Amino acid sequence: MDSFDILLYVAYAMVIFSAVAAILLPLIQAISNPATLLKTGAGVLAIVVVYFVAYAFSGAEVTPEYSKYNVGPELSKLVGGTLIMAYIMIGGAILGIVFTEANKIFK
């Protein structure tokens, strides 16, 4: 086992520790103020709804190029839904930025 392997395992441990901390620490903070949990839950619910809408609009086409990599209709629809969700989120972020800046101009 060389130093590269050791550093790779250390990096794995740091990522796992960070993920656990990123999940647990906001939950601990939210216990003191439960209203923040409601806002967070509404945000997560909105993202889930956007994903299912995007998934419903995505196609399940499988081209010969996809089939070379063992991509079936289910995986094609999943990837398509994820891409459409990303496009919707990027568009929403851009609209939010434009709206915020326009709102600042008129105030």
N, C-alpha and C. Protein backbone atom coordinates (compact mmCIF):
# COMPACT_ATOMS: atom_id res chain seq x y z
N MET A 1 0.85 -1.17 0.00
CA MET A 1 0.00 0.00 0.00
C MET A 1 0.90 1.24 0.00
N ASP A 2 0.80 2.02 -1.05
CA ASP A 2 1.64 3.21 -1.13
C ASP A 2 0.89 4.43 -0.60
N SER A 3 1.57 5.56 -0.63
CA SER A 3 0.98 6.77 -0.05
C SER A 3 -0.26 7.23 -0.80
N PHE A 4 -0.35 6.93 -2.10
CA PHE A 4 -1.53 7.33 -2.87
C PHE A 4 -2.78 6.64 -2.32
N ASP A 5 -2.69 5.35 -2.01
CA ASP A 5 -3.82 4.62 -1.45
C ASP A 5 -4.23 5.18 -0.09
N ILE A 6 -3.24 5.48 0.73
CA ILE A 6 -3.53 6.01 2.05
C ILE A 6 -4.26 7.34 1.94
N LEU A 7 -3.76 8.22 1.08
CA LEU A 7 -4.40 9.53 0.90
C LEU A 7 -5.79 9.39 0.30
N LEU A 8 -5.99 8.40 -0.53
CA LEU A 8 -7.31 8.18 -1.10
C LEU A 8 -8.30 7.76 -0.01
N TYR A 9 -7.89 6.90 0.89
CA TYR A 9 -8.75 6.49 1.99
C TYR A 9 -9.02 7.65 2.95
N VAL A 10 -8.02 8.49 3.17
CA VAL A 10 -8.22 9.68 4.01
C VAL A 10 -9.24 10.60 3.35
N ALA A 11 -9.16 10.77 2.02
CA ALA A 11 -10.12 11.61 1.31
C ALA A 11 -11.53 11.02 1.41
N TYR A 12 -11.65 9.70 1.29
CA TYR A 12 -12.97 9.06 1.46
C TYR A 12 -13.53 9.35 2.84
N ALA A 13 -12.70 9.22 3.86
CA ALA A 13 -13.15 9.46 5.23
C ALA A 13 -13.58 10.91 5.42
N MET A 14 -12.83 11.84 4.82
CA MET A 14 -13.18 13.26 4.94
C MET A 14 -14.50 13.57 4.24
N VAL A 15 -14.75 12.96 3.09
CA VAL A 15 -16.01 13.19 2.38
C VAL A 15 -17.17 12.63 3.19
N ILE A 16 -17.02 11.45 3.75
CA ILE A 16 -18.09 10.85 4.55
C ILE A 16 -18.35 11.70 5.80
N PHE A 17 -17.29 12.13 6.46
CA PHE A 17 -17.44 12.98 7.65
C PHE A 17 -18.16 14.28 7.30
N SER A 18 -17.76 14.89 6.18
CA SER A 18 -18.39 16.15 5.76
C SER A 18 -19.86 15.97 5.42
N ALA A 19 -20.19 14.86 4.76
CA ALA A 19 -21.58 14.60 4.41
C ALA A 19 -22.43 14.41 5.66
N VAL A 20 -21.92 13.66 6.62
CA VAL A 20 -22.65 13.44 7.87
C VAL A 20 -22.82 14.76 8.61
N ALA A 21 -21.78 15.57 8.65
CA ALA A 21 -21.87 16.86 9.34
C ALA A 21 -22.84 17.79 8.62
N ALA A 22 -22.84 17.77 7.29
CA ALA A 22 -23.74 18.64 6.53
C ALA A 22 -25.20 18.25 6.73
N ILE A 23 -25.45 17.00 7.07
CA ILE A 23 -26.83 16.56 7.31
C ILE A 23 -27.22 16.77 8.78
N LEU A 24 -26.35 16.42 9.70
CA LEU A 24 -26.71 16.45 11.12
C LEU A 24 -26.71 17.84 11.73
N LEU A 25 -25.73 18.67 11.41
CA LEU A 25 -25.64 19.97 12.06
C LEU A 25 -26.84 20.88 11.77
N PRO A 26 -27.34 20.97 10.54
CA PRO A 26 -28.56 21.77 10.35
C PRO A 26 -29.77 21.19 11.08
N LEU A 27 -29.84 19.86 11.19
CA LEU A 27 -30.94 19.26 11.94
C LEU A 27 -30.86 19.62 13.42
N ILE A 28 -29.67 19.62 13.97
CA ILE A 28 -29.50 20.00 15.37
C ILE A 28 -29.89 21.46 15.56
N GLN A 29 -29.49 22.33 14.63
CA GLN A 29 -29.86 23.74 14.71
C GLN A 29 -31.37 23.92 14.55
N ALA A 30 -32.00 23.12 13.71
CA ALA A 30 -33.43 23.26 13.45
C ALA A 30 -34.29 22.84 14.63
N ILE A 31 -33.75 22.04 15.51
CA ILE A 31 -34.51 21.63 16.69
C ILE A 31 -34.87 22.84 17.54
N SER A 32 -33.95 23.82 17.59
CA SER A 32 -34.23 25.02 18.38
C SER A 32 -35.20 25.96 17.68
N ASN A 33 -35.33 25.85 16.34
CA ASN A 33 -36.25 26.70 15.59
C ASN A 33 -36.96 25.84 14.54
N PRO A 34 -38.07 25.20 14.91
CA PRO A 34 -38.74 24.27 13.99
C PRO A 34 -39.31 24.92 12.73
N ALA A 35 -39.50 26.23 12.72
CA ALA A 35 -40.03 26.89 11.52
C ALA A 35 -39.06 26.75 10.34
N THR A 36 -37.77 26.65 10.63
CA THR A 36 -36.80 26.49 9.54
C THR A 36 -36.96 25.13 8.87
N LEU A 37 -37.39 24.12 9.64
CA LEU A 37 -37.63 22.81 9.04
C LEU A 37 -38.77 22.86 8.04
N LEU A 38 -39.78 23.65 8.31
CA LEU A 38 -40.91 23.78 7.40
C LEU A 38 -40.47 24.41 6.09
N LYS A 39 -39.64 25.46 6.17
CA LYS A 39 -39.13 26.10 4.96
C LYS A 39 -38.24 25.16 4.17
N THR A 40 -37.40 24.43 4.85
CA THR A 40 -36.52 23.47 4.18
C THR A 40 -37.33 22.36 3.53
N GLY A 41 -38.33 21.86 4.23
CA GLY A 41 -39.19 20.82 3.67
C GLY A 41 -39.94 21.30 2.44
N ALA A 42 -40.39 22.56 2.45
CA ALA A 42 -41.08 23.12 1.29
C ALA A 42 -40.12 23.21 0.10
N GLY A 43 -38.87 23.58 0.35
CA GLY A 43 -37.89 23.65 -0.72
C GLY A 43 -37.58 22.29 -1.32
N VAL A 44 -37.41 21.31 -0.46
CA VAL A 44 -37.16 19.94 -0.93
C VAL A 44 -38.36 19.41 -1.70
N LEU A 45 -39.56 19.68 -1.22
CA LEU A 45 -40.76 19.25 -1.91
C LEU A 45 -40.87 19.91 -3.28
N ALA A 46 -40.51 21.18 -3.38
CA ALA A 46 -40.55 21.88 -4.67
C ALA A 46 -39.57 21.24 -5.65
N ILE A 47 -38.38 20.88 -5.19
CA ILE A 47 -37.40 20.25 -6.07
C ILE A 47 -37.90 18.88 -6.53
N VAL A 48 -38.52 18.12 -5.64
CA VAL A 48 -39.07 16.82 -6.01
C VAL A 48 -40.18 16.97 -7.04
N VAL A 49 -41.05 17.97 -6.86
CA VAL A 49 -42.13 18.20 -7.83
C VAL A 49 -41.55 18.59 -9.19
N VAL A 50 -40.55 19.46 -9.19
CA VAL A 50 -39.91 19.86 -10.46
C VAL A 50 -39.29 18.64 -11.14
N TYR A 51 -38.67 17.76 -10.36
CA TYR A 51 -38.07 16.57 -10.97
C TYR A 51 -39.14 15.68 -11.60
N PHE A 52 -40.24 15.45 -10.91
CA PHE A 52 -41.26 14.56 -11.47
C PHE A 52 -41.94 15.17 -12.70
N VAL A 53 -42.08 16.49 -12.72
CA VAL A 53 -42.60 17.14 -13.93
C VAL A 53 -41.61 16.97 -15.07
N ALA A 54 -40.32 17.18 -14.79
CA ALA A 54 -39.30 17.01 -15.82
C ALA A 54 -39.23 15.56 -16.28
N TYR A 55 -39.37 14.63 -15.36
CA TYR A 55 -39.34 13.20 -15.71
C TYR A 55 -40.52 12.85 -16.61
N ALA A 56 -41.67 13.47 -16.34
CA ALA A 56 -42.85 13.21 -17.16
C ALA A 56 -42.66 13.73 -18.59
N PHE A 57 -41.93 14.81 -18.76
CA PHE A 57 -41.70 15.38 -20.08
C PHE A 57 -40.55 14.73 -20.83
N SER A 58 -39.69 13.99 -20.15
CA SER A 58 -38.53 13.41 -20.81
C SER A 58 -38.93 12.20 -21.65
N GLY A 59 -38.15 11.98 -22.69
CA GLY A 59 -38.41 10.86 -23.59
C GLY A 59 -37.60 9.64 -23.20
N ALA A 60 -37.99 8.50 -23.73
CA ALA A 60 -37.30 7.24 -23.42
C ALA A 60 -36.68 6.66 -24.69
N GLU A 61 -36.21 7.54 -25.59
CA GLU A 61 -35.62 7.05 -26.83
C GLU A 61 -34.28 6.39 -26.56
N VAL A 62 -34.02 5.35 -27.30
CA VAL A 62 -32.73 4.65 -27.20
C VAL A 62 -32.16 4.59 -28.61
N THR A 63 -31.15 5.38 -28.86
CA THR A 63 -30.50 5.39 -30.18
C THR A 63 -29.45 4.28 -30.24
N PRO A 64 -28.99 3.96 -31.42
CA PRO A 64 -27.92 2.94 -31.52
C PRO A 64 -26.67 3.34 -30.73
N GLU A 65 -26.41 4.63 -30.64
CA GLU A 65 -25.25 5.09 -29.86
C GLU A 65 -25.43 4.78 -28.37
N TYR A 66 -26.66 4.97 -27.87
CA TYR A 66 -26.93 4.66 -26.46
C TYR A 66 -26.83 3.16 -26.19
N SER A 67 -27.33 2.37 -27.10
CA SER A 67 -27.36 0.92 -26.87
C SER A 67 -25.97 0.32 -26.82
N LYS A 68 -24.97 0.99 -27.39
CA LYS A 68 -23.60 0.51 -27.27
C LYS A 68 -23.13 0.52 -25.82
N TYR A 69 -23.70 1.41 -25.03
CA TYR A 69 -23.31 1.55 -23.63
C TYR A 69 -24.34 0.95 -22.68
N ASN A 70 -25.18 0.07 -23.18
CA ASN A 70 -26.21 -0.62 -22.39
C ASN A 70 -27.19 0.35 -21.71
N VAL A 71 -27.57 1.39 -22.42
CA VAL A 71 -28.56 2.34 -21.90
C VAL A 71 -29.92 1.92 -22.43
N GLY A 72 -30.82 1.61 -21.51
CA GLY A 72 -32.17 1.21 -21.88
C GLY A 72 -33.13 2.38 -21.78
N PRO A 73 -34.39 2.12 -22.05
CA PRO A 73 -35.39 3.20 -22.00
C PRO A 73 -35.55 3.81 -20.61
N GLU A 74 -35.43 3.00 -19.57
CA GLU A 74 -35.59 3.53 -18.21
C GLU A 74 -34.47 4.50 -17.86
N LEU A 75 -33.24 4.11 -18.16
CA LEU A 75 -32.11 4.97 -17.86
C LEU A 75 -32.13 6.22 -18.73
N SER A 76 -32.55 6.08 -19.97
CA SER A 76 -32.65 7.22 -20.86
C SER A 76 -33.67 8.23 -20.32
N LYS A 77 -34.79 7.74 -19.83
CA LYS A 77 -35.82 8.62 -19.26
C LYS A 77 -35.32 9.27 -17.98
N LEU A 78 -34.60 8.54 -17.16
CA LEU A 78 -34.05 9.08 -15.92
C LEU A 78 -33.05 10.20 -16.21
N VAL A 79 -32.15 9.97 -17.13
CA VAL A 79 -31.16 10.98 -17.47
C VAL A 79 -31.83 12.19 -18.12
N GLY A 80 -32.80 11.93 -18.99
CA GLY A 80 -33.52 13.03 -19.62
C GLY A 80 -34.26 13.88 -18.61
N GLY A 81 -34.89 13.24 -17.63
CA GLY A 81 -35.58 13.97 -16.58
C GLY A 81 -34.63 14.81 -15.75
N THR A 82 -33.46 14.26 -15.46
CA THR A 82 -32.47 15.00 -14.69
C THR A 82 -31.96 16.20 -15.47
N LEU A 83 -31.71 16.03 -16.76
CA LEU A 83 -31.25 17.15 -17.58
C LEU A 83 -32.32 18.24 -17.69
N ILE A 84 -33.56 17.84 -17.91
CA ILE A 84 -34.64 18.83 -18.01
C ILE A 84 -34.80 19.56 -16.68
N MET A 85 -34.68 18.85 -15.56
CA MET A 85 -34.75 19.49 -14.25
C MET A 85 -33.63 20.51 -14.10
N ALA A 86 -32.42 20.15 -14.54
CA ALA A 86 -31.30 21.09 -14.45
C ALA A 86 -31.57 22.32 -15.30
N TYR A 87 -32.14 22.14 -16.49
CA TYR A 87 -32.46 23.29 -17.34
C TYR A 87 -33.49 24.19 -16.67
N ILE A 88 -34.50 23.59 -16.07
CA ILE A 88 -35.53 24.37 -15.38
C ILE A 88 -34.93 25.14 -14.21
N MET A 89 -34.08 24.50 -13.45
CA MET A 89 -33.47 25.16 -12.30
C MET A 89 -32.54 26.29 -12.73
N ILE A 90 -31.78 26.08 -13.80
CA ILE A 90 -30.89 27.14 -14.29
C ILE A 90 -31.73 28.32 -14.80
N GLY A 91 -32.80 28.02 -15.53
CA GLY A 91 -33.68 29.07 -16.00
C GLY A 91 -34.31 29.84 -14.85
N GLY A 92 -34.74 29.13 -13.82
CA GLY A 92 -35.30 29.78 -12.65
C GLY A 92 -34.29 30.66 -11.94
N ALA A 93 -33.05 30.20 -11.86
CA ALA A 93 -32.01 31.00 -11.22
C ALA A 93 -31.74 32.27 -12.01
N ILE A 94 -31.68 32.15 -13.33
CA ILE A 94 -31.45 33.34 -14.16
C ILE A 94 -32.61 34.31 -14.03
N LEU A 95 -33.85 33.80 -14.07
CA LEU A 95 -35.01 34.68 -13.90
C LEU A 95 -35.01 35.35 -12.53
N GLY A 96 -34.61 34.62 -11.51
CA GLY A 96 -34.52 35.19 -10.17
C GLY A 96 -33.49 36.31 -10.09
N ILE A 97 -32.36 36.10 -10.74
CA ILE A 97 -31.32 37.14 -10.74
C ILE A 97 -31.82 38.38 -11.48
N VAL A 98 -32.43 38.18 -12.65
CA VAL A 98 -32.95 39.32 -13.42
C VAL A 98 -34.03 40.05 -12.62
N PHE A 99 -34.95 39.33 -12.02
CA PHE A 99 -36.01 39.94 -11.23
C PHE A 99 -35.45 40.73 -10.05
N THR A 100 -34.48 40.17 -9.36
CA THR A 100 -33.89 40.84 -8.21
C THR A 100 -33.20 42.14 -8.62
N GLU A 101 -32.44 42.08 -9.70
CA GLU A 101 -31.74 43.29 -10.15
C GLU A 101 -32.73 44.33 -10.66
N ALA A 102 -33.78 43.91 -11.36
CA ALA A 102 -34.79 44.87 -11.84
C ALA A 102 -35.53 45.49 -10.65
N ASN A 103 -35.76 44.70 -9.63
CA ASN A 103 -36.43 45.19 -8.44
C ASN A 103 -35.55 46.23 -7.73
N LYS A 104 -34.24 46.01 -7.71
CA LYS A 104 -33.33 46.97 -7.08
C LYS A 104 -33.31 48.28 -7.84
N ILE A 105 -33.43 48.22 -9.17
CA ILE A 105 -33.39 49.44 -9.99
C ILE A 105 -34.57 50.32 -9.69
N PHE A 106 -35.75 49.72 -9.52
CA PHE A 106 -36.97 50.50 -9.35
C PHE A 106 -37.24 50.90 -7.90
N LYS A 107 -36.42 50.49 -6.97
CA LYS A 107 -36.61 50.88 -5.56
C LYS A 107 -35.87 52.17 -5.26
